[in-house]
Every structure is written in structure tokens, then in C-alpha cells.
Protein backbone atom coordinates (compact mmCIF):
# COMPACT_ATOMS: atom_id res chain seq x y z
CA MET A 1 86.10 105.89 49.06
CA TYR A 2 83.42 106.44 51.70
CA GLN A 3 84.57 103.34 53.55
CA ILE A 4 88.13 104.57 53.48
CA PHE A 5 87.09 107.99 54.79
CA ARG A 6 84.95 106.45 57.54
CA ALA A 7 87.74 104.12 58.64
CA ALA A 8 90.17 107.01 58.65
CA LEU A 9 87.91 108.96 60.99
CA VAL A 10 87.75 105.98 63.37
CA ILE A 11 91.53 105.62 63.30
CA LEU A 12 92.02 109.31 63.95
CA ALA A 13 89.62 109.26 66.91
CA ILE A 14 91.39 106.29 68.46
CA ALA A 15 94.89 107.56 67.75
CA ILE A 16 94.54 111.03 69.26
CA GLN A 17 92.72 110.05 72.45
CA PRO A 18 94.91 110.21 75.56
CA PRO A 19 95.78 106.96 77.32
CA VAL A 20 93.50 106.16 80.24
CA ALA A 21 93.58 103.66 83.04
CA LEU A 22 91.69 100.43 82.80
CA ALA A 23 88.42 100.36 84.70
CA GLY A 24 87.77 97.72 87.33
CA THR A 25 85.54 94.77 86.57
CA ALA A 26 82.33 94.11 88.41
CA ASP A 27 83.56 90.96 90.17
CA THR A 28 87.04 92.15 91.13
CA ALA A 29 87.61 94.56 93.99
CA VAL A 30 89.72 97.58 93.15
CA LEU A 31 92.99 97.66 95.08
CA THR A 32 94.60 101.03 95.77
CA VAL A 33 98.23 101.34 96.73
CA GLN A 34 97.22 102.41 100.25
CA GLN A 35 95.03 99.33 100.64
CA ALA A 36 97.83 97.10 99.37
CA VAL A 37 100.25 98.54 101.94
CA ALA A 38 97.71 98.17 104.77
CA GLN A 39 96.99 94.54 103.91
CA ALA A 40 100.69 93.74 103.65
CA LEU A 41 101.45 95.29 107.04
CA GLU A 42 98.63 93.28 108.57
CA GLY A 43 99.32 89.89 107.04
CA ASN A 44 102.94 89.66 105.85
CA PRO A 45 104.50 86.62 107.61
CA ASN A 46 108.07 87.93 107.46
CA LEU A 47 107.06 91.09 109.31
CA ALA A 48 105.12 89.00 111.82
CA GLN A 49 108.10 86.80 112.60
CA MET A 50 110.33 89.85 113.03
CA LYS A 51 107.82 91.25 115.53
CA ALA A 52 107.83 87.95 117.41
CA ARG A 53 111.63 88.03 117.59
CA ALA A 54 111.57 91.58 118.91
CA GLU A 55 109.03 90.62 121.58
CA ALA A 56 111.23 87.70 122.61
CA ALA A 57 114.30 89.96 122.80
CA ALA A 58 112.37 92.45 124.95
CA ALA A 59 111.95 89.77 127.63
CA ILE A 60 115.71 89.14 127.94
CA PRO A 61 116.96 92.27 129.83
CA ASP A 62 115.04 91.50 133.04
CA GLN A 63 116.40 87.96 132.98
CA ALA A 64 119.97 89.12 132.41
CA GLY A 65 119.81 91.60 135.31
CA ALA A 66 118.44 89.13 137.85
CA LEU A 67 120.58 87.35 140.44
CA PRO A 68 121.27 83.63 139.97
CA ASP A 69 118.75 81.42 141.71
CA PRO A 70 119.71 80.55 145.31
CA THR A 71 120.58 76.96 146.14
CA ILE A 72 118.99 74.97 148.93
CA SER A 73 120.91 71.93 150.20
CA PHE A 74 120.30 68.95 152.49
CA ASN A 75 123.32 67.12 153.91
CA ALA A 76 123.92 64.20 156.27
CA LEU A 77 127.33 64.88 157.87
CA ASN A 78 129.63 62.44 159.69
CA LEU A 79 127.16 59.57 159.53
CA PRO A 80 128.70 56.35 160.96
CA VAL A 81 128.65 53.61 158.39
CA ASP A 82 128.69 50.75 160.88
CA THR A 83 125.30 51.46 162.38
CA PHE A 84 124.02 54.55 160.49
CA ASP A 85 122.75 55.74 163.89
CA ILE A 86 122.52 59.54 163.86
CA ALA A 87 122.73 59.65 167.69
CA GLN A 88 125.86 57.51 167.94
CA GLU A 89 128.53 60.12 167.20
CA PRO A 90 128.63 63.69 168.53
CA MET A 91 129.63 65.16 165.16
CA THR A 92 126.81 63.52 163.23
CA GLN A 93 124.28 66.07 162.09
CA MET A 94 121.47 66.53 159.60
CA GLN A 95 122.20 69.81 157.88
CA PHE A 96 119.93 72.19 155.94
CA GLY A 97 121.54 75.08 154.06
CA ILE A 98 120.99 77.89 151.56
CA SER A 99 123.55 79.66 149.38
CA GLN A 100 123.52 82.58 146.96
CA ALA A 101 125.99 83.48 144.20
CA LEU A 102 126.79 87.23 144.05
CA PRO A 103 128.45 88.54 140.88
CA PHE A 104 130.89 91.40 141.35
CA PRO A 105 129.03 94.72 141.73
CA GLY A 106 128.10 96.20 138.34
CA LYS A 107 128.16 92.95 136.33
CA LEU A 108 124.43 92.35 136.40
CA ALA A 109 123.70 95.96 135.48
CA LEU A 110 126.02 95.70 132.48
CA LYS A 111 124.43 92.42 131.37
CA GLU A 112 120.99 93.98 131.58
CA GLN A 113 122.17 97.08 129.75
CA ALA A 114 123.66 95.06 126.89
CA ALA A 115 120.50 92.95 126.59
CA ARG A 116 118.32 96.08 126.59
CA HIS A 117 120.34 97.59 123.74
CA GLU A 118 119.98 94.33 121.81
CA ALA A 119 116.22 94.38 122.40
CA GLU A 120 116.04 97.95 121.11
CA ALA A 121 118.07 96.87 118.07
CA ALA A 122 115.57 94.07 117.43
CA ALA A 123 112.72 96.59 117.57
CA LYS A 124 114.54 98.76 115.02
CA SER A 125 114.90 95.68 112.80
CA VAL A 126 111.11 95.40 112.82
CA GLU A 127 110.84 99.03 111.70
CA GLU A 128 113.40 98.43 108.95
CA THR A 129 111.51 95.35 107.76
CA ARG A 130 108.31 97.39 107.79
CA LEU A 131 109.88 100.09 105.61
CA THR A 132 111.25 97.47 103.22
CA LEU A 133 107.84 95.83 102.97
CA ILE A 134 106.12 99.15 102.19
CA ARG A 135 108.77 99.89 99.56
CA ASP A 136 108.34 96.50 97.88
CA VAL A 137 104.54 96.70 97.91
CA LYS A 138 104.47 100.18 96.41
CA ALA A 139 107.10 99.34 93.78
CA THR A 140 105.26 96.18 92.76
CA TRP A 141 101.91 98.01 92.66
CA TRP A 142 103.31 100.68 90.36
CA ARG A 143 104.89 98.07 88.10
CA ILE A 144 101.47 96.44 87.73
CA PHE A 145 100.02 99.89 87.08
CA TYR A 146 102.50 100.43 84.23
CA LEU A 147 101.79 97.00 82.77
CA ASP A 148 98.06 97.73 82.81
CA ARG A 149 98.66 100.94 80.90
CA ALA A 150 100.93 99.17 78.43
CA ILE A 151 98.35 96.43 77.83
CA GLU A 152 95.63 99.05 77.31
CA ILE A 153 97.80 100.94 74.82
CA VAL A 154 98.82 97.83 72.89
CA ARG A 155 95.16 96.79 72.60
CA ARG A 156 94.23 100.22 71.33
CA ASN A 157 96.99 100.04 68.76
CA GLN A 158 95.80 96.61 67.70
CA ASP A 159 92.43 98.17 66.91
CA LEU A 160 94.21 100.88 64.92
CA LEU A 161 96.21 98.40 62.90
CA ARG A 162 93.08 96.40 62.15
CA GLU A 163 91.61 99.60 60.74
CA PHE A 164 94.85 100.12 58.81
CA VAL A 165 94.48 96.64 57.37
CA GLN A 166 90.91 97.44 56.36
CA ILE A 167 91.94 100.69 54.68
CA ALA A 168 94.85 99.01 52.89
CA GLN A 169 92.60 96.20 51.68
CA THR A 170 89.95 98.66 50.43
CA LYS A 171 92.50 100.74 48.55
CA TYR A 172 94.04 97.59 47.08
CA LYS A 173 90.65 96.41 45.84
CA VAL A 174 89.97 99.69 44.03
CA GLY A 175 93.46 99.74 42.57
CA GLU A 176 94.82 102.61 44.67
CA GLY A 177 96.95 100.58 47.06
CA LEU A 178 99.52 97.81 47.17
CA GLN A 179 99.22 94.32 48.55
CA GLN A 180 102.45 94.83 50.49
CA ASP A 181 100.66 97.50 52.55
CA VAL A 182 98.15 94.89 53.68
CA LEU A 183 100.90 92.43 54.54
CA LEU A 184 102.87 95.10 56.37
CA ALA A 185 99.90 96.04 58.58
CA GLN A 186 99.24 92.38 59.33
CA VAL A 187 102.87 91.82 60.38
CA GLU A 188 102.78 94.83 62.72
CA LEU A 189 99.48 93.59 64.15
CA SER A 190 101.02 90.17 64.87
CA GLN A 191 103.93 91.83 66.63
CA LEU A 192 101.53 93.75 68.84
CA LEU A 193 99.71 90.54 69.68
CA ASP A 194 103.04 89.01 70.69
CA ARG A 195 103.80 92.09 72.78
CA GLU A 196 100.46 91.71 74.58
CA ILE A 197 101.33 88.11 75.45
CA GLN A 198 104.64 89.26 76.96
CA LEU A 199 102.99 92.05 78.95
CA LYS A 200 100.34 89.72 80.35
CA ALA A 201 103.00 87.24 81.45
CA ALA A 202 104.97 90.01 83.14
CA ARG A 203 101.78 91.20 84.86
CA ARG A 204 101.02 87.72 86.22
CA THR A 205 104.52 87.61 87.69
CA GLN A 206 104.11 90.95 89.43
CA VAL A 207 100.61 90.06 90.68
CA ALA A 208 102.00 86.87 92.23
CA ARG A 209 104.77 88.89 93.89
CA LEU A 210 102.28 91.39 95.29
CA ALA A 211 100.06 88.56 96.53
CA ALA A 212 103.00 87.01 98.39
CA LEU A 213 103.81 90.34 100.04
CA MET A 214 100.16 90.73 101.09
CA ASP A 215 99.82 87.08 102.18
CA ARG A 216 97.11 86.43 99.61
CA PRO A 217 96.65 83.46 97.26
CA VAL A 218 99.04 83.93 94.34
CA GLU A 219 96.39 82.86 91.85
CA GLN A 220 94.07 85.68 92.93
CA ASP A 221 94.09 88.55 90.45
CA VAL A 222 94.15 92.21 91.42
CA GLN A 223 92.46 95.15 89.74
CA LEU A 224 93.92 98.62 90.07
CA PRO A 225 91.83 101.80 90.22
CA ALA A 226 90.43 103.30 87.04
CA LYS A 227 92.12 106.62 87.82
CA VAL A 228 95.02 107.55 90.07
CA GLU A 229 96.55 110.86 90.97
CA ILE A 230 99.94 111.21 89.29
CA ASP A 231 101.88 113.42 91.68
CA LEU A 232 105.58 113.87 90.93
CA PRO A 233 106.79 116.59 93.33
CA PRO A 234 110.10 118.39 92.84
CA PRO A 235 113.03 116.37 94.20
CA PRO A 236 114.03 117.35 97.76
CA ASP A 237 117.46 118.57 98.74
CA GLU A 238 119.99 115.76 99.09
CA THR A 239 121.72 117.23 102.16
CA THR A 240 118.38 117.54 103.93
CA LEU A 241 117.63 113.91 103.17
CA HIS A 242 120.96 112.88 104.70
CA GLY A 243 119.97 114.61 107.93
CA ILE A 244 116.54 112.95 107.91
CA ALA A 245 118.11 109.53 107.33
CA ASP A 246 120.55 110.02 110.23
CA GLU A 247 117.60 110.66 112.53
CA SER A 248 114.91 108.38 111.10
CA ARG A 249 116.46 105.38 109.31
CA PRO A 250 115.87 102.30 111.50
CA LEU A 251 118.90 100.55 110.03
CA LEU A 252 121.24 103.20 111.41
CA ALA A 253 119.39 103.27 114.73
CA ARG A 254 119.72 99.50 115.00
CA LEU A 255 123.46 99.60 114.38
CA GLU A 256 123.80 102.38 116.95
CA ARG A 257 122.03 100.19 119.53
CA GLU A 258 124.26 97.26 118.63
CA LEU A 259 127.31 99.49 119.09
CA ALA A 260 126.00 100.54 122.51
CA ALA A 261 125.51 96.87 123.40
CA ALA A 262 129.09 96.17 122.32
CA ASP A 263 130.29 98.99 124.61
CA SER A 264 128.45 97.39 127.54
CA ARG A 265 129.99 94.00 126.77
CA VAL A 266 133.49 95.49 126.76
CA GLU A 267 132.87 96.94 130.21
CA LEU A 268 131.42 93.62 131.34
CA ALA A 269 134.50 91.78 130.08
CA LYS A 270 136.67 94.11 132.13
CA LYS A 271 134.48 93.46 135.18
CA ASP A 272 135.09 89.74 134.73
CA LEU A 273 138.67 90.37 135.87
CA MET A 274 137.18 90.94 139.32
CA PRO A 275 136.10 88.00 141.51
CA ASP A 276 132.54 86.81 142.01
CA PHE A 277 131.30 85.97 145.49
CA GLY A 278 129.13 83.40 147.17
CA VAL A 279 127.48 83.42 150.59
CA GLY A 280 125.68 80.65 152.42
CA ALA A 281 124.32 79.48 155.75
CA ALA A 282 123.63 75.98 157.04
CA TYR A 283 121.92 74.69 160.15
CA GLY A 284 123.02 71.28 161.50
CA ILE A 285 120.66 69.31 163.76
CA ARG A 286 122.34 66.82 166.14
CA SER A 287 120.67 63.98 167.98
CA GLY A 288 121.65 62.22 171.19
CA SER A 289 123.08 63.41 174.54
CA ASN A 290 126.47 64.47 175.90
CA ALA A 291 128.30 62.43 178.57
CA ASP A 292 126.78 64.62 181.29
CA GLY A 293 123.28 63.87 180.02
CA SER A 294 122.69 67.23 178.37
CA ASN A 295 121.33 67.46 174.82
CA ARG A 296 123.84 68.00 172.08
CA PRO A 297 123.57 71.59 170.70
CA ASP A 298 122.88 72.20 167.02
CA PHE A 299 125.51 73.74 164.72
CA LEU A 300 125.22 76.90 162.61
CA SER A 301 127.64 77.23 159.67
CA LEU A 302 128.29 80.42 157.68
CA ARG A 303 130.15 80.51 154.37
CA LEU A 304 131.74 83.21 152.23
CA ASN A 305 133.66 82.31 149.06
CA MET A 306 134.98 84.11 146.02
CA SER A 307 136.37 83.13 142.66
CA VAL A 308 140.03 83.73 141.89
CA PRO A 309 140.80 84.83 138.28
CA LEU A 310 144.02 82.85 138.33
CA TYR A 311 144.14 82.37 134.56
CA ALA A 312 143.09 85.91 133.63
CA ALA A 313 145.81 86.27 130.98
CA ARG A 314 144.36 83.39 128.99
CA LYS A 315 140.68 83.83 129.77
CA GLN A 316 139.36 87.17 131.01
CA GLN A 317 141.95 89.34 129.29
CA ARG A 318 141.43 87.52 126.01
CA ALA A 319 137.68 88.08 126.43
CA VAL A 320 138.38 91.81 126.80
CA ASP A 321 140.37 91.71 123.55
CA GLN A 322 137.51 89.85 121.84
CA ARG A 323 134.84 92.28 122.98
CA THR A 324 137.00 95.26 122.02
CA SER A 325 137.41 93.91 118.49
CA GLU A 326 133.68 93.26 118.27
CA ARG A 327 132.98 96.85 119.30
CA LEU A 328 135.37 98.11 116.63
CA GLY A 329 133.59 95.98 114.04
CA ARG A 330 130.23 97.44 115.09
CA ARG A 331 131.58 100.97 114.74
CA PHE A 332 132.88 100.27 111.23
CA ALA A 333 129.56 98.61 110.31
CA LEU A 334 127.70 101.75 111.40
CA GLU A 335 129.96 104.02 109.35
CA ASP A 336 129.70 101.76 106.31
CA ALA A 337 125.91 101.64 106.59
CA ARG A 338 125.73 105.43 106.85
CA ASN A 339 127.82 105.76 103.69
CA GLN A 340 125.67 103.16 101.91
CA VAL A 341 122.50 105.04 102.88
CA ARG A 342 123.87 108.30 101.51
CA GLN A 343 124.97 106.62 98.30
CA SER A 344 121.54 105.04 97.97
CA ILE A 345 119.85 108.41 98.46
CA ALA A 346 122.01 110.00 95.77
CA THR A 347 121.33 107.15 93.32
CA ILE A 348 117.57 107.15 93.92
CA LEU A 349 117.39 110.92 93.59
CA ALA A 350 119.15 110.73 90.23
CA GLU A 351 116.74 108.02 89.05
CA TYR A 352 113.74 110.02 90.25
CA ARG A 353 114.88 113.22 88.55
CA GLN A 354 115.44 111.36 85.28
CA ALA A 355 112.07 109.60 85.35
CA ARG A 356 110.24 112.79 86.36
CA GLU A 357 111.83 114.84 83.60
CA GLN A 358 111.15 112.13 81.03
CA ALA A 359 107.49 111.92 82.05
CA ARG A 360 107.08 115.69 81.78
CA LEU A 361 108.83 115.70 78.38
CA TYR A 362 106.64 112.89 77.00
CA GLU A 363 103.45 114.46 78.36
CA ARG A 364 104.08 118.04 77.24
CA ALA A 365 106.05 117.66 74.02
CA ILE A 366 106.78 114.25 72.54
CA ILE A 367 103.33 112.60 72.74
CA PRO A 368 101.35 115.65 71.48
CA GLN A 369 103.79 116.02 68.60
CA ALA A 370 103.58 112.32 67.78
CA ARG A 371 99.77 112.47 67.75
CA GLN A 372 99.84 115.42 65.41
CA THR A 373 102.24 113.53 63.16
CA VAL A 374 99.94 110.51 63.00
CA ALA A 375 96.90 112.67 62.24
CA SER A 376 98.79 114.52 59.50
CA MET A 377 100.14 111.35 57.89
CA LEU A 378 96.71 109.72 58.01
CA SER A 379 95.23 112.67 56.12
CA GLY A 380 98.06 112.53 53.61
CA TYR A 381 97.65 108.82 53.13
CA GLN A 382 94.02 109.28 52.10
CA VAL A 383 95.13 111.39 49.13
CA ASN A 384 98.13 109.19 48.32
CA LYS A 385 100.69 111.76 49.48
CA VAL A 386 102.10 109.65 52.33
CA ASP A 387 103.53 106.17 52.06
CA PHE A 388 101.67 103.50 54.04
CA LEU A 389 104.90 102.32 55.64
CA ASN A 390 105.55 105.80 57.05
CA LEU A 391 102.01 105.94 58.44
CA VAL A 392 102.46 102.63 60.25
CA ARG A 393 105.84 103.69 61.56
CA ALA A 394 104.39 106.93 62.89
CA GLN A 395 101.65 105.04 64.74
CA ILE A 396 104.13 102.55 66.21
CA THR A 397 106.30 105.48 67.31
CA LEU A 398 103.31 107.03 69.08
CA TYR A 399 102.62 103.67 70.74
CA ASN A 400 106.21 103.49 71.99
CA HIS A 401 106.11 107.05 73.33
CA GLU A 402 102.87 106.48 75.22
CA THR A 403 104.24 103.27 76.70
CA ARG A 404 107.45 104.98 77.76
CA TYR A 405 105.46 107.80 79.35
CA TRP A 406 103.66 105.40 81.68
CA GLN A 407 106.90 103.56 82.29
CA ALA A 408 108.52 106.83 83.38
CA ILE A 409 105.56 107.56 85.68
CA SER A 410 105.88 104.11 87.21
CA GLU A 411 109.65 104.39 87.65
CA ALA A 412 109.30 107.81 89.28
CA ARG A 413 106.74 106.52 91.79
CA GLN A 414 108.90 103.48 92.51
CA ALA A 415 111.85 105.80 93.11
CA LEU A 416 109.79 107.79 95.62
CA ALA A 417 108.94 104.55 97.43
CA ARG A 418 112.62 103.56 97.56
CA LEU A 419 113.55 107.06 98.72
CA ALA A 420 111.09 106.86 101.63
CA ALA A 421 112.61 103.53 102.66
CA ALA A 422 116.15 104.93 102.32
CA VAL A 423 115.57 107.93 104.61
CA GLY A 424 113.24 106.15 107.02
CA LYS A 425 109.93 107.96 106.46
CA GLU A 426 107.68 109.45 103.81
CA ILE A 427 109.11 112.57 102.19
CA GLN A 428 106.87 115.63 102.09
CA PRO A 429 107.59 117.92 99.11
């Protein structure tokens, strides 16, 4: 009986202790969520390539607003083919010229304006990618955090069930218990071992995902802090979040810039109905002498030309129709994105409220009550007033509640990360 009493005390001490985070090992650096985000922002290749694209787009506006390169020409005019003597004929001349194409006034400015809006849109795409990366890193980190807690709890419950097996075996040996109690505890212990295998596999998957986001070797393990601050602030007002998203969400800002670029292209298409111009000058050098013995004078040629939009109905006007439809599509895309953002905010808020309320309920009511139930049943089992099956069920119920508590914490923190990405910045309670 002393062994039974001693084992019961050990079980009670393990069962009623609150779940704690796993401590870091000596050879593995502890990775906080802030460190994970910082490393991802520094090394993520997808973010780096988006930055490179934005830098490339930023170099386009100056190119688009520049005049076409001038053309320098060299011509041999009226060269006699019988002798190829440049002094034989009076009209023979060696000509040097330069010409410049001049788009209709306003075209270059509109091209530069459209390209500048596109460059700004590319910069907003970088910000959107950055927000998405932060969201994914935080969500993955908190999933690993939950899995660590679940593994710690399942190991603690394995120790409890081993003590249950010991108690059941002791009582069976002295004739106060049943063999089926021993078998029942062993079955539950095997199920917990299987659950640990599943949790470890899920953790390896999430660690590999986090490593990819941080540009680290996927086989490198991560160790989370021993303790973290669990802060679940009250949910903010949904209408306020809509206003913040309209001002701060890079996705909406990018679509607004693309709409502005589409406006500039419509105006440019209308400008294409007007002619472009070209100017040029050429200097012709003549050799030889006139009949009176005087030197032949050189020639200066000036040129002004312009394009004629003769087929405007099939070309330029159709281009105006095309650009107008593209602008309309951009406007609808902006409105659809704004609606999607608001729907996302509403959905995430609902998920956050649910997870937050569940975590508070588990912490303040369900888990304390379940611990009291286990302690009471364990005392009753010692005096043969509680069935062993009910004791095991009570402990498994406590295990499930503790696991769901940490799952709710993790889901709430993931929801906050998604909410920050949805509105475009971190939300202060």
C-alpha cells in the first residue's frame, strides 16, 4: 500500500502542475519570433527578387521620358557611276546630316508618368511581399510553439500513465485490482506514444517551412524560448481597421498606382491621334569649279516632316478603346481587392475572437476544473471508490484540454499576424 500511496503522490504532482514551455538545449540557439522575422526579411530570396524588380522598374521612367536618340547620316549624292569622280558633276556632293524625332507635345510626359506609376506599384508590391513574409514567419513560428507545448504535454501524460500502470499492477498483485486496468493503461500509453510520433512529424514539417522562409538549411532544427509573453489584447473595432487598411495596405496602394498608370496610358493613346514630327539638317560639300573658274558652293539642306495618322480608325482609335477597357479593368480590380480586404478582416477578427475566448475559458475554468477532477478521482481510486477506467478518462480529458488551450493561444497569435498583414501594419490595442 505504501508503494501505491507514493505513486499516487507522484501522479498528483505531475497532473496538477501547469503546462510550461520547453527549455532550450545547450547546443541550440533560442529563436524568438522577432529574430525569426528579422532573419527572414534579411535573407528571404523571394523578397530579394521583388526588391530587384522594383529597382529595375524605378529606372524606367527617366528612359520613357527621354527623346529618341538623334540620327547622324553620311550620304554621297549624285555620284556619277561612269567615273565616280566627285568633281565631275556640279550636283555631286558629300553630305553630312543630323536628324531628331520629336513626339507630339505631351507624349513623353505621359509615358514618363505612366512608367513612374508602374515603378511606384512595383515598390508597393515589395511592401506587400514583406507583409506576407512576416505573416507567414509569425504563423509558422506559433504553430511550432503549439507543437512544442503539445509534445511536452503528451510526454508528461506518458509519465502519468506509466505511474498508472505501476499502480494498477501493484493493486493487481495484492488482489485489489483487475488485470484489465493494467491493459487499459498500457493501451492508452501506446496511443500517447503514437500521438507523439505524429506531433514530431508535424513539427519537422513546420521547422522546414520556417527554414525556407528564413533561407536557412531545412535540416537545421530550431529551439523556441523557454517562456514567452502570451498577450491577447481585446479585438479592435472592425470599422477602424477598414480605415487603416485603406490607408496602409500596400496591395490597395499598388492597385491605385496601376489605375493611375492606366489613366496616363489612356491619355497617351489619345495623344497618338496627333502627328509626330521630325527635323533635320544636312551639309553637302561639293568639289570642282564652275565654268567661270569659281569654286562650287556647298549646299545646306533643312528638313521638317510629320507623321499622318491616316489609318487612325483602325489603329490609334482602337488603341484608345483598348486602353480605356484596361483602365476599367484596373478600377474593378481595385474595388474587388478592397472588398476582399474587408472580408478578410472580418473573417480574421471572428477567428481571433473565438480563439481568444477559448483560451481564456480553458485557462480560467476548464483546465482548473479538470485538474481538480483528476485529483479527486485519484484519491477515490486509492480507496476503491472510483473505477480505474474513469480515472484514465479524466486524465486523458485533462490532456486534451491542455493541448487545446495551447492550440487556441497559437491560433489567436496567428490570427493577429494575419490581421496585421490584412490591414498593412501592426495593430496596437
